[in-house]
Protein backbone atom coordinates (compact mmCIF):
# COMPACT_ATOMS: atom_id res chain seq x y z
CA MET A 1 -22.33 11.31 8.39
CA GLY A 2 -21.57 13.90 11.13
CA GLN A 3 -22.67 17.32 9.87
CA LEU A 4 -23.62 19.96 12.37
CA HIS A 5 -25.36 23.33 11.78
CA LEU A 6 -25.93 25.89 14.52
CA LYS A 7 -28.50 28.47 13.48
CA GLN A 8 -28.69 31.67 15.59
CA VAL A 9 -28.25 29.64 18.79
CA LYS A 10 -28.75 31.65 21.95
CA LYS A 11 -28.67 30.81 25.67
CA PHE A 12 -30.07 32.89 28.48
CA TYR A 13 -29.77 32.40 32.24
CA GLY A 14 -32.58 34.65 33.41
CA HIS A 15 -32.04 37.93 31.60
CA PHE A 16 -28.29 37.30 31.13
CA GLU A 17 -27.39 36.28 27.57
CA VAL A 18 -24.53 33.77 27.66
CA ILE A 19 -24.53 32.59 23.99
CA LYS A 20 -25.37 35.42 21.58
CA GLY A 21 -26.73 34.09 18.29
CA VAL A 22 -23.97 31.68 17.19
CA GLU A 23 -23.94 30.60 13.58
CA LEU A 24 -21.64 27.68 12.63
CA ASP A 25 -21.35 24.86 10.14
CA VAL A 26 -19.21 21.81 10.87
CA THR A 27 -18.64 19.40 7.97
CA ASP A 28 -18.47 15.60 8.15
CA GLY A 29 -15.09 14.36 9.41
CA GLU A 30 -13.88 17.82 10.52
CA PHE A 31 -11.94 18.40 13.74
CA VAL A 32 -13.17 21.72 15.13
CA VAL A 33 -11.82 23.28 18.33
CA PHE A 34 -13.75 25.83 20.40
CA VAL A 35 -11.17 27.99 22.19
CA GLY A 36 -11.41 31.12 24.33
CA PRO A 37 -10.85 32.47 27.85
CA SER A 38 -12.74 31.25 30.87
CA GLY A 39 -16.39 32.37 30.81
CA CYS A 40 -16.55 32.88 27.04
CA GLY A 41 -19.30 30.26 26.64
CA LYS A 42 -17.41 27.45 24.86
CA SER A 43 -18.44 24.63 27.33
CA THR A 44 -22.01 25.96 27.46
CA LEU A 45 -22.19 25.77 23.69
CA LEU A 46 -20.84 22.24 23.67
CA ARG A 47 -23.37 21.16 26.30
CA MET A 48 -26.17 22.61 24.21
CA ILE A 49 -25.02 20.61 21.22
CA ALA A 50 -24.93 17.50 23.47
CA GLY A 51 -28.40 18.20 24.85
CA LEU A 52 -27.24 18.65 28.39
CA ASP A 53 -28.35 22.33 28.40
CA ASP A 54 -31.49 23.65 26.76
CA VAL A 55 -31.38 26.03 23.80
CA SER A 56 -33.11 29.33 24.57
CA SER A 57 -33.61 30.12 20.87
CA GLY A 58 -32.25 29.00 17.54
CA ASP A 59 -31.73 25.56 16.10
CA ILE A 60 -29.19 22.72 16.42
CA VAL A 61 -29.24 20.52 13.30
CA ILE A 62 -27.35 17.25 13.01
CA ASP A 63 -27.33 15.58 9.60
CA GLY A 64 -30.28 17.67 8.52
CA ALA A 65 -32.48 16.85 11.54
CA ARG A 66 -33.36 19.45 14.18
CA VAL A 67 -32.40 17.95 17.55
CA ASN A 68 -33.29 20.75 20.01
CA ASP A 69 -35.96 18.59 21.68
CA LEU A 70 -34.10 15.24 21.56
CA PRO A 71 -32.36 13.80 24.65
CA PRO A 72 -28.58 13.30 24.38
CA VAL A 73 -28.90 9.60 23.74
CA LYS A 74 -30.95 10.22 20.64
CA ARG A 75 -28.70 12.81 19.04
CA GLY A 76 -26.00 10.49 17.73
CA ILE A 77 -23.29 12.13 19.82
CA ALA A 78 -20.81 10.84 22.44
CA MET A 79 -19.17 13.15 24.96
CA VAL A 80 -15.84 12.88 26.78
CA PHE A 81 -15.54 15.04 29.90
CA GLN A 82 -12.71 16.62 31.82
CA SER A 83 -13.40 14.11 34.58
CA TYR A 84 -12.81 10.52 33.50
CA ALA A 85 -16.00 9.45 35.29
CA LEU A 86 -14.96 5.80 35.35
CA TYR A 87 -16.51 3.17 37.61
CA PRO A 88 -13.71 2.15 40.01
CA HIS A 89 -15.10 -1.28 40.77
CA MET A 90 -15.41 -2.25 37.06
CA THR A 91 -12.68 -3.51 34.75
CA VAL A 92 -11.53 -1.49 31.76
CA PHE A 93 -13.62 -3.81 29.56
CA GLU A 94 -16.78 -3.20 31.57
CA ASN A 95 -16.20 0.55 31.72
CA ILE A 96 -15.94 0.73 27.94
CA ALA A 97 -18.85 -1.63 27.45
CA PHE A 98 -21.15 0.13 29.89
CA PRO A 99 -23.14 2.24 27.34
CA LEU A 100 -23.61 -0.83 25.15
CA ARG A 101 -24.95 -2.81 28.11
CA VAL A 102 -27.44 -0.04 28.78
CA GLU A 103 -28.57 -0.44 25.15
CA LYS A 104 -28.86 -4.27 25.80
CA MET A 105 -26.54 -5.04 22.82
CA ALA A 106 -25.89 -8.72 22.12
CA GLU A 107 -22.86 -10.03 23.92
CA ASP A 108 -20.88 -11.07 20.80
CA LYS A 109 -21.38 -7.71 19.11
CA LEU A 110 -20.58 -5.89 22.34
CA LYS A 111 -17.34 -7.85 22.81
CA ALA A 112 -16.26 -7.12 19.22
CA ARG A 113 -16.82 -3.38 19.61
CA VAL A 114 -14.98 -3.14 22.91
CA GLU A 115 -12.00 -5.10 21.63
CA HIS A 116 -11.88 -2.96 18.46
CA ALA A 117 -11.85 0.26 20.50
CA ALA A 118 -9.24 -1.17 22.88
CA ARG A 119 -6.94 -1.98 19.94
CA ILE A 120 -7.31 1.55 18.55
CA LEU A 121 -6.44 3.04 21.96
CA HIS A 122 -3.67 0.53 22.83
CA LEU A 123 -5.71 -0.73 25.83
CA ASP A 124 -6.04 -4.34 24.65
CA GLN A 125 -3.60 -5.54 27.30
CA ARG A 126 -5.43 -3.63 30.04
CA LEU A 127 -8.97 -4.83 29.56
CA GLN A 128 -9.06 -6.93 32.78
CA GLN A 129 -7.51 -4.24 34.96
CA LYS A 130 -9.41 -1.70 37.04
CA PRO A 131 -9.02 2.13 36.73
CA GLY A 132 -6.97 2.37 39.91
CA MET A 133 -4.15 0.42 38.19
CA LEU A 134 -3.97 2.88 35.24
CA SER A 135 -2.13 6.14 34.64
CA GLY A 136 -4.06 9.36 34.05
CA GLY A 137 -3.48 9.10 30.30
CA GLN A 138 -4.73 5.50 30.22
CA ARG A 139 -7.84 6.45 32.17
CA GLN A 140 -8.62 9.20 29.70
CA ARG A 141 -8.23 6.68 26.88
CA VAL A 142 -10.76 4.40 28.64
CA ALA A 143 -13.22 7.32 28.70
CA ILE A 144 -12.60 7.90 24.98
CA GLY A 145 -13.06 4.18 24.32
CA ARG A 146 -16.48 4.39 26.01
CA ALA A 147 -17.38 7.04 23.44
CA ILE A 148 -15.90 5.17 20.49
CA VAL A 149 -17.98 1.98 21.01
CA ARG A 150 -21.20 3.94 20.59
CA GLU A 151 -20.13 4.79 17.02
CA PRO A 152 -21.56 8.31 17.26
CA LYS A 153 -21.99 10.76 14.41
CA ILE A 154 -20.14 13.46 16.40
CA PHE A 155 -17.55 13.22 19.24
CA LEU A 156 -17.69 16.04 21.78
CA PHE A 157 -14.65 16.66 24.02
CA ASP A 158 -14.91 19.07 26.97
CA GLU A 159 -11.36 19.93 28.05
CA PRO A 160 -10.41 16.19 28.32
CA LEU A 161 -6.73 16.82 28.98
CA SER A 162 -6.99 19.44 31.73
CA ASN A 163 -6.30 16.88 34.53
CA LEU A 164 -3.10 15.55 32.97
CA ASP A 165 0.46 16.76 33.58
CA ALA A 166 2.33 18.57 30.75
CA ALA A 167 4.10 15.51 29.37
CA LEU A 168 0.89 13.38 29.25
CA ARG A 169 -1.03 16.31 27.67
CA ALA A 170 1.48 16.41 24.84
CA ASP A 171 1.26 12.63 24.34
CA MET A 172 -2.53 12.67 24.42
CA ARG A 173 -2.68 15.49 21.85
CA ILE A 174 -0.77 13.26 19.50
CA GLU A 175 -3.03 10.29 20.30
CA LEU A 176 -6.21 12.31 19.65
CA ALA A 177 -4.90 13.62 16.32
CA LYS A 178 -4.08 10.01 15.30
CA LEU A 179 -7.50 8.87 16.50
CA HIS A 180 -9.21 11.47 14.32
CA ARG A 181 -7.29 10.42 11.22
CA GLN A 182 -8.05 6.77 11.91
CA LEU A 183 -11.75 7.16 12.63
CA GLN A 184 -12.40 9.98 10.10
CA ALA A 185 -15.10 11.12 12.54
CA THR A 186 -16.46 14.57 13.25
CA MET A 187 -14.92 15.91 16.44
CA ILE A 188 -15.69 19.06 18.41
CA TYR A 189 -13.17 19.85 21.13
CA VAL A 190 -13.34 22.57 23.81
CA THR A 191 -10.22 23.98 25.38
CA HIS A 192 -8.88 27.17 26.91
CA ASP A 193 -5.37 26.18 25.76
CA GLN A 194 -4.61 27.77 22.42
CA VAL A 195 -1.61 25.41 21.96
CA GLU A 196 -4.02 22.48 21.92
CA ALA A 197 -6.20 24.35 19.44
CA MET A 198 -3.32 25.19 17.09
CA THR A 199 -1.81 21.68 17.09
CA MET A 200 -4.98 19.59 16.68
CA ALA A 201 -7.66 21.53 14.82
CA ASP A 202 -8.66 21.52 11.18
CA ARG A 203 -10.55 24.69 12.07
CA ILE A 204 -10.60 26.85 15.19
CA VAL A 205 -13.62 28.77 16.52
CA VAL A 206 -12.42 31.58 18.79
CA LEU A 207 -15.14 32.61 21.22
CA ASN A 208 -15.34 35.83 23.17
CA ALA A 209 -18.18 36.73 25.55
CA GLY A 210 -20.65 34.38 23.94
CA GLU A 211 -19.87 35.36 20.33
CA ILE A 212 -17.63 34.00 17.62
CA ALA A 213 -14.72 36.39 17.29
CA GLN A 214 -13.27 34.51 14.28
CA THR A 215 -13.37 31.09 12.62
CA GLY A 216 -10.55 29.74 10.45
CA GLU A 217 -7.60 27.36 10.05
CA PRO A 218 -4.85 27.61 12.66
CA LEU A 219 -2.37 29.46 10.44
CA GLU A 220 -5.03 31.74 9.10
CA LEU A 221 -5.85 32.87 12.64
CA TYR A 222 -2.17 33.22 13.46
CA HIS A 223 -1.14 35.23 10.40
CA LYS A 224 -4.44 37.08 9.70
CA PRO A 225 -6.41 37.65 12.92
CA ALA A 226 -9.66 39.51 12.31
CA ASN A 227 -9.37 41.65 15.44
CA LYS A 228 -7.23 42.59 18.37
CA PHE A 229 -8.84 39.99 20.64
CA VAL A 230 -7.97 37.06 18.37
CA ALA A 231 -4.50 38.47 17.75
CA GLY A 232 -3.81 38.64 21.45
CA PHE A 233 -5.32 35.20 22.23
CA ILE A 234 -3.72 33.11 19.43
CA GLY A 235 0.01 32.84 19.85
CA ASN A 236 2.26 32.17 22.84
CA PRO A 237 3.67 34.44 24.20
CA LYS A 238 0.91 36.85 23.28
CA MET A 239 1.23 39.56 20.65
CA ASN A 240 2.78 42.91 21.61
CA PHE A 241 0.61 45.98 21.03
CA LEU A 242 2.12 49.44 20.42
CA PRO A 243 0.25 52.75 20.09
CA VAL A 244 0.86 54.45 16.73
CA THR A 245 -0.60 57.39 14.77
CA CYS A 246 -1.66 57.17 11.14
CA ARG A 247 0.29 59.65 8.99
CA GLY A 248 -0.91 58.69 5.53
CA VAL A 249 -2.69 56.21 3.26
CA SER A 250 -1.71 55.05 -0.21
CA GLU A 251 -2.17 52.09 -2.48
CA ALA A 252 1.05 50.67 -1.00
CA GLY A 253 -0.47 50.54 2.50
CA VAL A 254 -0.89 52.61 5.62
CA GLU A 255 1.88 54.85 6.98
CA VAL A 256 2.14 55.03 10.76
CA GLU A 257 4.40 56.81 13.22
CA TYR A 258 5.84 55.28 16.37
CA ARG A 259 8.01 57.48 18.59
CA GLY A 260 9.20 59.60 15.71
CA GLN A 261 9.78 56.63 13.35
CA THR A 262 7.56 56.42 10.31
CA VAL A 263 6.95 53.15 8.45
CA SER A 264 4.56 52.02 5.68
CA LEU A 265 2.75 48.80 6.61
CA PRO A 266 1.57 46.43 3.78
CA VAL A 267 -2.06 46.43 4.72
CA ALA A 268 -5.23 47.30 2.83
CA PRO A 269 -5.78 51.11 3.08
CA ARG A 270 -8.93 52.66 4.48
CA ASP A 271 -10.49 56.10 4.23
CA GLY A 272 -10.74 58.42 7.22
CA VAL A 273 -7.89 57.08 9.32
CA VAL A 274 -5.26 59.73 8.76
CA GLY A 275 -4.38 61.39 12.05
CA LYS A 276 -6.12 58.76 14.14
CA ALA A 277 -4.65 56.69 16.96
CA LEU A 278 -4.18 53.03 15.80
CA THR A 279 -2.56 49.98 17.35
CA LEU A 280 0.43 48.18 15.85
CA GLY A 281 0.76 44.45 16.69
CA ILE A 282 3.97 42.47 16.51
CA ARG A 283 4.45 38.88 17.69
CA PRO A 284 7.35 38.22 20.07
CA GLU A 285 8.91 35.72 17.67
CA HIS A 286 9.08 38.42 14.99
CA VAL A 287 11.21 40.74 17.13
CA GLN A 288 14.90 40.64 16.06
CA ILE A 289 18.04 41.89 17.68
CA GLY A 290 19.41 45.07 16.02
CA ASP A 291 17.79 47.49 13.60
CA GLY A 292 14.53 47.03 11.73
CA ASP A 293 11.95 49.13 9.93
CA ILE A 294 11.09 50.23 13.48
CA SER A 295 13.76 50.08 16.17
CA ILE A 296 12.84 49.64 19.84
CA THR A 297 15.21 49.73 22.78
CA ILE A 298 14.00 47.52 25.57
CA VAL A 299 15.19 46.89 29.12
CA PRO A 300 14.64 43.19 29.97
CA THR A 301 13.33 42.69 33.47
CA VAL A 302 12.71 38.92 33.30
CA ILE A 303 14.57 36.45 31.03
CA GLU A 304 13.43 32.87 30.48
CA ARG A 305 16.08 30.49 29.10
CA LEU A 306 14.18 27.68 27.35
CA GLY A 307 17.07 26.11 25.43
CA ALA A 308 16.20 26.65 21.79
CA GLN A 309 14.66 30.04 22.65
CA THR A 310 15.16 32.84 25.14
CA VAL A 311 12.12 34.86 26.03
CA ALA A 312 12.68 38.41 27.31
CA TYR A 313 9.95 40.39 29.10
CA ALA A 314 10.76 44.03 29.15
CA ALA A 315 9.84 47.59 29.85
CA LEU A 316 10.31 49.97 26.97
CA GLU A 317 13.15 52.45 27.15
CA GLU A 318 11.29 55.08 29.19
CA GLY A 319 10.57 52.43 31.81
CA GLY A 320 7.25 51.27 33.23
CA ALA A 321 5.43 48.01 33.17
CA GLU A 322 6.58 44.79 31.54
CA ASN A 323 4.61 45.49 28.37
CA PHE A 324 6.92 44.07 25.68
CA CYS A 325 8.02 40.52 24.98
CA ALA A 326 10.67 39.22 22.59
CA THR A 327 11.34 35.58 21.67
CA LEU A 328 15.03 35.42 20.71
CA PRO A 329 17.59 32.67 19.81
CA GLY A 330 18.45 30.45 22.77
CA SER A 331 22.17 31.41 22.79
CA VAL A 332 21.66 35.19 22.71
CA ALA A 333 23.76 36.99 25.30
CA ILE A 334 21.35 39.26 27.15
CA ARG A 335 20.96 39.99 30.86
CA PRO A 336 18.35 41.67 33.03
CA GLU A 337 18.31 45.47 33.29
CA ALA A 338 20.79 45.85 30.38
CA PRO A 339 19.28 47.89 27.50
CA LEU A 340 18.86 45.95 24.27
CA LYS A 341 18.18 47.34 20.77
CA THR A 342 15.61 45.34 18.87
CA GLY A 343 13.89 45.83 15.52
CA ILE A 344 10.72 44.75 13.77
CA ARG A 345 10.00 44.46 10.03
CA ALA A 346 6.96 46.18 8.47
CA VAL A 347 5.95 42.93 6.76
CA ASP A 348 5.59 41.18 10.13
CA CYS A 349 3.34 43.87 11.63
CA HIS A 350 -0.44 43.85 12.19
CA LEU A 351 -2.54 46.97 12.37
CA PHE A 352 -5.81 47.55 14.26
CA ASP A 353 -8.20 50.52 14.24
CA GLU A 354 -9.76 52.23 17.24
CA GLU A 355 -12.40 49.52 17.58
CA GLY A 356 -9.82 46.73 17.49
CA VAL A 357 -10.71 45.58 13.97
CA ALA A 358 -7.68 44.45 11.91
CA PHE A 359 -6.60 46.01 8.69
CA GLU A 360 -6.32 43.26 6.08
CA ARG A 361 -2.72 42.16 5.74
CA ARG A 362 -1.34 41.91 2.21
CA VAL A 363 0.52 38.68 3.02
CA GLU A 364 -0.36 35.35 1.42
CA LEU A 365 -0.01 32.28 3.60
CA THR A 366 1.65 30.43 0.75
CA ASP A 367 4.32 33.19 0.65
CA ILE A 368 4.87 32.81 4.38
CA ASP A 369 5.13 29.04 4.03
CA MET A 370 7.74 29.42 1.28
CA ASP A 371 9.74 31.81 3.43
CA LEU A 372 9.75 29.26 6.25
CA LEU A 373 10.84 26.48 3.85
CA SER A 374 13.64 28.64 2.48
CA SER A 375 14.87 29.46 5.97
CA ALA A 376 14.78 25.78 6.93
CA ALA A 377 16.76 24.82 3.79
CA SER A 378 19.43 27.42 4.43
């Protein structure tokens, strides 16, 4: 079992509150990713779960037992850090075996556990080598192997791929996802990289200034962000935000105006918003060339040719900052400083109130998935 419950967990440094009453349940076998910008408290929260930082108030419960006062070794967890923290004078075998030797485990049982972990991580041909002979990805796998042999209830990962180059990071993401499926273990993973979060997690916990901004499955956070912060953080490139004015509310949705263009967005209506300034959100990948329910002329200032996609960063037609981004087909013929007419569909839009809270979108994820499947088939 590897169930975790955080009950109103808080952390103070002096009078400064870093973690602000976090409530979270993690079920057995779940892969949960803590994600957020630097300074949001994700690593601090992980260290509190591990027992490396004290809890100022609240409870940390693992498999029904309160562990606030237990040292890390007694909590049934194993942690993998950003730094590999390997002993350079020891072989791979001895690095992996080290925590078992500390526990004074019998040699035959120790050997079996190390060899089993090495097979899982494809290190069985490297056991007699030393860390200096390994690549960065192989060293990180040794660090993970050291965690596996302890057979913990919960694995904790604190940005373990940050020291790797882009290609190795992609490879290790795949390896960690396979490892989770193979071990069926509870894993909590901290990263500032929302791509890692989206590709690996069963569930994502988005943190902002020590609080949980939203918790949900990756596609849920992508298609139905709870607030403007989550909408801007999840997705790459980030969501575009446009100022609009509410002109009407009906059962069909909320009618907004943008630069003289009026459109009804399929979101749950609210009272008291007519005439108020709201924010319309549209993801760069949902911007199309030509007309739409709202048409926007942009002037690209920077163009990134990525092969399958072309990303245009632009100022809107009256000029100014690069405050609009469009992800377009890779072969599209556009050039810097040449005006380009683009459009967005009402169904793709998000809407946020003055406090940044999202209006509920009337879009079912199953409908979105079917649209994607239909597009792929055609």
